[in-house]
Amino acid sequence: MNTTTITPTTTTDFRSTKSFVAAPDAVFSALTDIDALTGWWTPAAGGAHAGETLRFLMGDQEVVMRVDEADRPSRVRWIVLVCEPASDWVGTSITFELEPVGSGTELRFHHHGLHPDLECFENCQAGWTHFLASLVDYVDRGAGSPNPPAERFAAWRAEHAAH
């Protein structure tokens, strides 16, 4: 039985909108491919499709998310199950909504439950601001500004590879 609780959305949750030159399918791929996630955000392992479990390595700490939705090419949604670096994230959800705009894409990002009352808000807001810009650079220019892989990255990834 799954006991994960999703924090209700408030108007003060962290949100951001980004524009891409690339089409929605390219942005969607960057959100659902383990190597791409590693290329713009932080080292990733596991599976990035609906029903799978994603794992991220932030330094020596893990973040574990369940992929609730991965509807190509318009929407990706993760539920945070474990977050060692910021326990405030547990039970929050992260949504990426993609909409075609001309030949490009508009991304509407929403971290449901990440709001100014949380201890981590300022650092998390700064982090998302950086990494969403990194996502744009990764998709449109071929290189993002991710967290560097930790020394133990290869062994960690092999241990958590999707089966």
Protein backbone atom coordinates (compact mmCIF):
# COMPACT_ATOMS: atom_id res chain seq x y z
CA MET A 1 0.00 0.00 0.00
CA ASN A 2 1.37 3.41 -0.99
CA THR A 3 1.23 5.95 1.84
CA THR A 4 2.81 8.91 0.02
CA THR A 5 0.96 12.13 0.70
CA ILE A 6 1.03 14.97 -1.78
CA THR A 7 1.22 18.44 -0.27
CA PRO A 8 -1.67 20.60 -1.50
CA THR A 9 -0.82 23.23 -4.09
CA THR A 10 -0.69 26.82 -2.93
CA THR A 11 -0.27 30.00 -4.92
CA THR A 12 3.17 30.51 -3.35
CA ASP A 13 4.65 27.22 -4.60
CA PHE A 14 7.78 27.65 -6.68
CA ARG A 15 6.93 28.12 -10.36
CA SER A 16 8.97 29.07 -13.40
CA THR A 17 8.37 29.38 -17.13
CA LYS A 18 11.13 28.76 -19.67
CA SER A 19 11.21 29.05 -23.46
CA PHE A 20 13.06 26.68 -25.76
CA VAL A 21 13.98 26.89 -29.42
CA ALA A 22 13.56 23.09 -29.57
CA ALA A 23 10.24 21.33 -30.09
CA PRO A 24 8.38 19.76 -27.10
CA ASP A 25 9.56 16.26 -27.99
CA ALA A 26 13.21 17.26 -27.44
CA VAL A 27 12.42 18.86 -24.08
CA PHE A 28 10.36 15.81 -23.06
CA SER A 29 13.31 13.55 -23.92
CA ALA A 30 15.58 15.61 -21.64
CA LEU A 31 13.11 14.96 -18.80
CA THR A 32 12.73 11.22 -19.40
CA ASP A 33 16.22 10.01 -20.29
CA ILE A 34 18.65 9.11 -17.49
CA ASP A 35 21.73 10.40 -19.34
CA ALA A 36 19.94 13.64 -20.23
CA LEU A 37 18.82 14.21 -16.62
CA THR A 38 22.45 13.71 -15.58
CA GLY A 39 23.47 16.20 -18.30
CA TRP A 40 21.37 19.12 -17.07
CA TRP A 41 20.55 18.46 -13.40
CA THR A 42 22.37 15.90 -11.28
CA PRO A 43 23.51 12.27 -11.61
CA ALA A 44 20.48 10.08 -12.24
CA ALA A 45 19.69 6.36 -12.22
CA GLY A 46 16.64 4.11 -12.36
CA GLY A 47 13.78 4.64 -14.77
CA ALA A 48 12.22 7.89 -15.97
CA HIS A 49 8.93 6.64 -17.43
CA ALA A 50 5.50 6.49 -15.78
CA GLY A 51 5.43 4.00 -12.92
CA GLU A 52 9.21 3.83 -12.60
CA THR A 53 11.46 5.10 -9.82
CA LEU A 54 14.03 7.80 -10.46
CA ARG A 55 17.05 8.25 -8.21
CA PHE A 56 19.25 11.31 -8.11
CA LEU A 57 22.61 11.69 -6.41
CA MET A 58 23.28 15.11 -4.89
CA GLY A 59 26.78 14.91 -3.53
CA ASP A 60 26.61 11.79 -1.36
CA GLN A 61 22.89 12.09 -0.67
CA GLU A 62 19.96 10.58 -2.57
CA VAL A 63 16.66 11.89 -3.82
CA VAL A 64 14.12 9.22 -4.84
CA MET A 65 11.07 10.04 -6.95
CA ARG A 66 8.22 8.07 -8.44
CA VAL A 67 7.37 9.05 -12.01
CA ASP A 68 3.60 9.54 -11.86
CA GLU A 69 3.20 10.85 -15.40
CA ALA A 70 5.30 10.89 -18.53
CA ASP A 71 2.89 11.81 -21.32
CA ARG A 72 4.91 12.47 -24.47
CA PRO A 73 5.38 15.25 -25.39
CA SER A 74 3.32 17.38 -23.02
CA ARG A 75 3.72 16.50 -19.33
CA VAL A 76 6.05 14.90 -16.79
CA ARG A 77 5.25 14.63 -13.09
CA TRP A 78 7.37 13.26 -10.26
CA ILE A 79 6.43 12.59 -6.61
CA VAL A 80 9.27 12.95 -4.10
CA LEU A 81 9.52 9.84 -1.91
CA VAL A 82 12.91 10.39 -0.24
CA CYS A 83 15.07 13.49 -0.11
CA GLU A 84 18.15 13.24 2.08
CA PRO A 85 19.45 16.77 1.33
CA ALA A 86 16.07 18.50 1.99
CA SER A 87 13.49 16.48 3.90
CA ASP A 88 10.97 19.28 3.19
CA TRP A 89 10.68 17.87 -0.35
CA VAL A 90 9.19 14.53 0.76
CA GLY A 91 5.57 14.38 -0.38
CA THR A 92 5.92 17.29 -2.80
CA SER A 93 5.50 16.87 -6.54
CA ILE A 94 7.29 18.36 -9.50
CA THR A 95 5.45 19.02 -12.75
CA PHE A 96 6.85 19.93 -16.15
CA GLU A 97 4.15 21.01 -18.63
CA LEU A 98 5.26 21.47 -22.22
CA GLU A 99 3.38 23.44 -24.83
CA PRO A 100 4.35 24.07 -28.45
CA VAL A 101 4.94 27.75 -29.20
CA GLY A 102 5.73 28.29 -32.88
CA SER A 103 8.50 25.82 -33.64
CA GLY A 104 9.71 25.90 -30.02
CA THR A 105 8.39 25.04 -26.57
CA GLU A 106 7.15 26.78 -23.46
CA LEU A 107 7.87 24.89 -20.24
CA ARG A 108 5.73 25.62 -17.21
CA PHE A 109 7.50 24.22 -14.16
CA HIS A 110 5.74 23.85 -10.80
CA HIS A 111 7.19 22.35 -7.63
CA HIS A 112 3.95 21.70 -5.73
CA GLY A 113 4.56 22.08 -2.00
CA LEU A 114 7.84 24.01 -2.28
CA HIS A 115 6.82 27.33 -0.73
CA PRO A 116 8.46 30.14 1.29
CA ASP A 117 7.45 28.64 4.66
CA LEU A 118 9.88 25.74 4.14
CA GLU A 119 13.38 25.99 5.59
CA CYS A 120 14.96 25.01 2.26
CA PHE A 121 12.95 27.43 0.09
CA GLU A 122 15.64 30.03 -0.70
CA ASN A 123 18.30 27.44 -1.52
CA CYS A 124 15.83 25.30 -3.50
CA GLN A 125 14.50 28.29 -5.42
CA ALA A 126 18.07 29.28 -6.34
CA GLY A 127 18.81 25.67 -7.31
CA TRP A 128 15.75 25.29 -9.53
CA THR A 129 16.46 28.66 -11.15
CA HIS A 130 19.98 27.48 -12.02
CA PHE A 131 19.00 23.97 -13.14
CA LEU A 132 16.01 25.04 -15.26
CA ALA A 133 18.36 27.40 -17.12
CA SER A 134 20.72 24.42 -17.41
CA LEU A 135 17.86 22.40 -18.94
CA VAL A 136 17.35 25.11 -21.60
CA ASP A 137 21.10 25.14 -22.34
CA TYR A 138 21.19 21.34 -22.49
CA VAL A 139 18.27 21.08 -24.93
CA ASP A 140 18.96 24.14 -27.10
CA ARG A 141 22.78 24.31 -26.99
CA GLY A 142 23.82 20.72 -26.27
CA ALA A 143 25.41 21.31 -22.85
CA GLY A 144 23.95 22.10 -19.43
CA SER A 145 25.50 23.04 -16.08
CA PRO A 146 24.68 20.00 -13.92
CA ASN A 147 25.93 18.96 -10.52
CA PRO A 148 29.15 17.03 -11.10
CA PRO A 149 29.02 13.28 -10.57
CA ALA A 150 30.36 12.16 -7.20
CA GLU A 151 33.37 9.87 -7.08
CA ARG A 152 31.12 6.88 -6.46
CA PHE A 153 28.73 7.73 -9.33
CA ALA A 154 29.48 4.73 -11.59
CA ALA A 155 29.00 2.18 -8.81
CA TRP A 156 25.89 3.97 -7.52
CA ARG A 157 24.33 4.12 -11.01
CA ALA A 158 25.05 0.45 -11.67
CA GLU A 159 23.44 -0.44 -8.35
CA HIS A 160 20.26 1.50 -9.24
CA ALA A 161 19.98 0.79 -12.96
CA ALA A 162 16.45 0.17 -14.28
CA HIS A 163 15.81 -3.52 -14.84
